[in-house]
PDB file of N, CA and C in Angstrom:
ATOM      1  N   MET A   1     -47.956   8.152 -12.429  1.00  0.00           N
ATOM      2  CA  MET A   1     -48.051   6.857 -11.972  1.00  0.00           C
ATOM      3  C   MET A   1     -46.673   6.287 -11.751  1.00  0.00           C
ATOM      4  N   TYR A   2     -45.747   6.545 -12.527  1.00  0.00           N
ATOM      5  CA  TYR A   2     -44.381   5.924 -12.332  1.00  0.00           C
ATOM      6  C   TYR A   2     -43.703   6.614 -11.140  1.00  0.00           C
ATOM      7  N   GLU A   3     -43.877   7.870 -10.971  1.00  0.00           N
ATOM      8  CA  GLU A   3     -43.224   8.652  -9.998  1.00  0.00           C
ATOM      9  C   GLU A   3     -43.873   8.125  -8.573  1.00  0.00           C
ATOM     10  N   SER A   4     -45.151   7.932  -8.579  1.00  0.00           N
ATOM     11  CA  SER A   4     -45.818   7.503  -7.348  1.00  0.00           C
ATOM     12  C   SER A   4     -45.283   6.074  -6.901  1.00  0.00           C
ATOM     13  N   ALA A   5     -45.046   5.291  -7.879  1.00  0.00           N
ATOM     14  CA  ALA A   5     -44.443   3.951  -7.631  1.00  0.00           C
ATOM     15  C   ALA A   5     -43.075   4.098  -7.066  1.00  0.00           C
ATOM     16  N   LEU A   6     -42.284   4.994  -7.540  1.00  0.00           N
ATOM     17  CA  LEU A   6     -40.941   5.165  -6.919  1.00  0.00           C
ATOM     18  C   LEU A   6     -41.016   5.837  -5.555  1.00  0.00           C
ATOM     19  N   MET A   7     -41.982   6.719  -5.340  1.00  0.00           N
ATOM     20  CA  MET A   7     -42.102   7.261  -3.995  1.00  0.00           C
ATOM     21  C   MET A   7     -42.678   6.316  -2.922  1.00  0.00           C
ATOM     22  N   CYS A   8     -43.386   5.251  -3.439  1.00  0.00           N
ATOM     23  CA  CYS A   8     -43.916   4.288  -2.469  1.00  0.00           C
ATOM     24  C   CYS A   8     -42.911   3.213  -2.194  1.00  0.00           C
ATOM     25  N   LYS A   9     -41.695   3.398  -2.598  1.00  0.00           N
ATOM     26  CA  LYS A   9     -40.620   2.403  -2.363  1.00  0.00           C
ATOM     27  C   LYS A   9     -40.706   1.132  -3.130  1.00  0.00           C
ATOM     28  N   THR A  10     -41.460   1.127  -4.269  1.00  0.00           N
ATOM     29  CA  THR A  10     -41.509   0.041  -5.145  1.00  0.00           C
ATOM     30  C   THR A  10     -40.122  -0.192  -5.713  1.00  0.00           C
ATOM     31  N   GLN A  11     -39.778  -1.482  -5.859  1.00  0.00           N
ATOM     32  CA  GLN A  11     -38.421  -1.789  -6.361  1.00  0.00           C
ATOM     33  C   GLN A  11     -38.109  -1.083  -7.707  1.00  0.00           C
ATOM     34  N   PHE A  12     -37.042  -0.440  -7.908  1.00  0.00           N
ATOM     35  CA  PHE A  12     -36.660   0.290  -9.033  1.00  0.00           C
ATOM     36  C   PHE A  12     -36.794  -0.680 -10.352  1.00  0.00           C
ATOM     37  N   GLN A  13     -36.368  -1.948 -10.259  1.00  0.00           N
ATOM     38  CA  GLN A  13     -36.480  -2.763 -11.451  1.00  0.00           C
ATOM     39  C   GLN A  13     -37.897  -2.949 -11.821  1.00  0.00           C
ATOM     40  N   ASN A  14     -38.821  -3.062 -10.887  1.00  0.00           N
ATOM     41  CA  ASN A  14     -40.248  -3.225 -11.196  1.00  0.00           C
ATOM     42  C   ASN A  14     -40.780  -2.014 -11.941  1.00  0.00           C
ATOM     43  N   VAL A  15     -40.428  -0.802 -11.571  1.00  0.00           N
ATOM     44  CA  VAL A  15     -40.755   0.360 -12.240  1.00  0.00           C
ATOM     45  C   VAL A  15     -40.241   0.324 -13.678  1.00  0.00           C
ATOM     46  N   ILE A  16     -38.978   0.057 -13.826  1.00  0.00           N
ATOM     47  CA  ILE A  16     -38.407  -0.009 -15.111  1.00  0.00           C
ATOM     48  C   ILE A  16     -39.085  -1.046 -16.101  1.00  0.00           C
ATOM     49  N   SER A  17     -39.431  -2.224 -15.490  1.00  0.00           N
ATOM     50  CA  SER A  17     -40.162  -3.201 -16.214  1.00  0.00           C
ATOM     51  C   SER A  17     -41.504  -2.664 -16.688  1.00  0.00           C
ATOM     52  N   LYS A  18     -42.160  -1.954 -15.830  1.00  0.00           N
ATOM     53  CA  LYS A  18     -43.531  -1.445 -16.249  1.00  0.00           C
ATOM     54  C   LYS A  18     -43.348  -0.370 -17.263  1.00  0.00           C
ATOM     55  N   ILE A  19     -42.380   0.434 -17.181  1.00  0.00           N
ATOM     56  CA  ILE A  19     -42.097   1.522 -18.247  1.00  0.00           C
ATOM     57  C   ILE A  19     -41.813   0.764 -19.582  1.00  0.00           C
ATOM     58  N   ASN A  20     -40.960  -0.209 -19.622  1.00  0.00           N
ATOM     59  CA  ASN A  20     -40.762  -1.054 -20.790  1.00  0.00           C
ATOM     60  C   ASN A  20     -42.027  -1.728 -21.351  1.00  0.00           C
ATOM     61  N   GLU A  21     -42.800  -2.234 -20.409  1.00  0.00           N
ATOM     62  CA  GLU A  21     -44.053  -2.946 -20.885  1.00  0.00           C
ATOM     63  C   GLU A  21     -45.022  -1.928 -21.632  1.00  0.00           C
ATOM     64  N   ASP A  22     -45.037  -0.674 -21.186  1.00  0.00           N
ATOM     65  CA  ASP A  22     -45.944   0.324 -21.627  1.00  0.00           C
ATOM     66  C   ASP A  22     -45.336   1.084 -22.822  1.00  0.00           C
ATOM     67  N   ASN A  23     -44.154   0.668 -23.223  1.00  0.00           N
ATOM     68  CA  ASN A  23     -43.434   1.277 -24.370  1.00  0.00           C
ATOM     69  C   ASN A  23     -43.312   2.774 -24.183  1.00  0.00           C
ATOM     70  N   ILE A  24     -42.850   3.150 -22.976  1.00  0.00           N
ATOM     71  CA  ILE A  24     -42.665   4.584 -22.748  1.00  0.00           C
ATOM     72  C   ILE A  24     -41.255   4.904 -23.062  1.00  0.00           C
ATOM     73  N   LYS A  25     -40.969   6.121 -23.702  1.00  0.00           N
ATOM     74  CA  LYS A  25     -39.662   6.615 -24.000  1.00  0.00           C
ATOM     75  C   LYS A  25     -39.478   7.783 -23.183  1.00  0.00           C
ATOM     76  N   ILE A  26     -38.317   7.773 -22.440  1.00  0.00           N
ATOM     77  CA  ILE A  26     -37.981   8.924 -21.516  1.00  0.00           C
ATOM     78  C   ILE A  26     -36.919   9.800 -22.244  1.00  0.00           C
ATOM     79  N   SER A  27     -37.326  10.984 -22.470  1.00  0.00           N
ATOM     80  CA  SER A  27     -36.525  11.909 -23.214  1.00  0.00           C
ATOM     81  C   SER A  27     -35.571  12.678 -22.256  1.00  0.00           C
ATOM     82  N   SER A  28     -36.084  12.929 -21.065  1.00  0.00           N
ATOM     83  CA  SER A  28     -35.229  13.693 -20.050  1.00  0.00           C
ATOM     84  C   SER A  28     -35.781  13.455 -18.599  1.00  0.00           C
ATOM     85  N   LEU A  29     -34.922  13.750 -17.656  1.00  0.00           N
ATOM     86  CA  LEU A  29     -35.400  13.635 -16.358  1.00  0.00           C
ATOM     87  C   LEU A  29     -35.382  14.999 -15.691  1.00  0.00           C
ATOM     88  N   ILE A  30     -36.342  15.312 -14.786  1.00  0.00           N
ATOM     89  CA  ILE A  30     -36.472  16.647 -14.244  1.00  0.00           C
ATOM     90  C   ILE A  30     -36.318  16.538 -12.799  1.00  0.00           C
ATOM     91  N   GLY A  31     -35.349  17.263 -12.245  1.00  0.00           N
ATOM     92  CA  GLY A  31     -35.026  17.350 -10.834  1.00  0.00           C
ATOM     93  C   GLY A  31     -35.539  18.609 -10.243  1.00  0.00           C
ATOM     94  N   ASN A  32     -35.179  18.915  -8.955  1.00  0.00           N
ATOM     95  CA  ASN A  32     -35.635  20.125  -8.323  1.00  0.00           C
ATOM     96  C   ASN A  32     -35.210  21.398  -9.021  1.00  0.00           C
ATOM     97  N   ASN A  33     -34.013  21.298  -9.696  1.00  0.00           N
ATOM     98  CA  ASN A  33     -33.585  22.523 -10.355  1.00  0.00           C
ATOM     99  C   ASN A  33     -33.698  22.552 -11.874  1.00  0.00           C
ATOM    100  N   GLY A  34     -34.524  21.712 -12.414  1.00  0.00           N
ATOM    101  CA  GLY A  34     -34.729  21.615 -13.864  1.00  0.00           C
ATOM    102  C   GLY A  34     -34.345  20.294 -14.443  1.00  0.00           C
ATOM    103  N   ILE A  35     -34.076  20.255 -15.730  1.00  0.00           N
ATOM    104  CA  ILE A  35     -33.711  19.061 -16.441  1.00  0.00           C
ATOM    105  C   ILE A  35     -32.274  18.588 -15.968  1.00  0.00           C
ATOM    106  N   ILE A  36     -32.210  17.291 -15.728  1.00  0.00           N
ATOM    107  CA  ILE A  36     -30.953  16.733 -15.264  1.00  0.00           C
ATOM    108  C   ILE A  36     -30.146  16.301 -16.502  1.00  0.00           C
ATOM    109  N   ASN A  37     -28.975  16.767 -16.734  1.00  0.00           N
ATOM    110  CA  ASN A  37     -28.192  16.476 -17.914  1.00  0.00           C
ATOM    111  C   ASN A  37     -27.641  14.995 -17.799  1.00  0.00           C
ATOM    112  N   GLU A  38     -27.316  14.389 -18.987  1.00  0.00           N
ATOM    113  CA  GLU A  38     -26.832  13.027 -18.999  1.00  0.00           C
ATOM    114  C   GLU A  38     -25.670  12.733 -18.084  1.00  0.00           C
ATOM    115  N   LYS A  39     -24.708  13.641 -17.983  1.00  0.00           N
ATOM    116  CA  LYS A  39     -23.519  13.434 -17.220  1.00  0.00           C
ATOM    117  C   LYS A  39     -23.790  13.378 -15.756  1.00  0.00           C
ATOM    118  N   GLU A  40     -24.719  14.272 -15.336  1.00  0.00           N
ATOM    119  CA  GLU A  40     -25.135  14.304 -13.914  1.00  0.00           C
ATOM    120  C   GLU A  40     -25.835  13.023 -13.578  1.00  0.00           C
ATOM    121  N   TYR A  41     -26.672  12.485 -14.484  1.00  0.00           N
ATOM    122  CA  TYR A  41     -27.435  11.277 -14.230  1.00  0.00           C
ATOM    123  C   TYR A  41     -26.611  10.085 -14.171  1.00  0.00           C
ATOM    124  N   ALA A  42     -25.510  10.066 -15.096  1.00  0.00           N
ATOM    125  CA  ALA A  42     -24.637   8.975 -15.064  1.00  0.00           C
ATOM    126  C   ALA A  42     -23.733   8.846 -13.820  1.00  0.00           C
ATOM    127  N   SER A  43     -23.537   9.998 -13.212  1.00  0.00           N
ATOM    128  CA  SER A  43     -22.771  10.022 -11.925  1.00  0.00           C
ATOM    129  C   SER A  43     -23.667   9.461 -10.753  1.00  0.00           C
ATOM    130  N   LEU A  44     -24.885   9.425 -10.919  1.00  0.00           N
ATOM    131  CA  LEU A  44     -25.743   8.925  -9.827  1.00  0.00           C
ATOM    132  C   LEU A  44     -25.817   7.404  -9.837  1.00  0.00           C
ATOM    133  N   GLN A  45     -25.465   6.822 -10.980  1.00  0.00           N
ATOM    134  CA  GLN A  45     -25.636   5.302 -11.053  1.00  0.00           C
ATOM    135  C   GLN A  45     -24.607   4.590 -10.366  1.00  0.00           C
TER     136      GLN A  45
END
């Protein structure tokens, strides 16, 4: 559900708000080549 919201060009902050409302805890992000490490994700921000 959250991925589809991002793919439909929903504002990122709205997706983050919904994740927080639903009390979802994200333990890792998965990219095309597997799990994205913290340093790689930090460089994207």
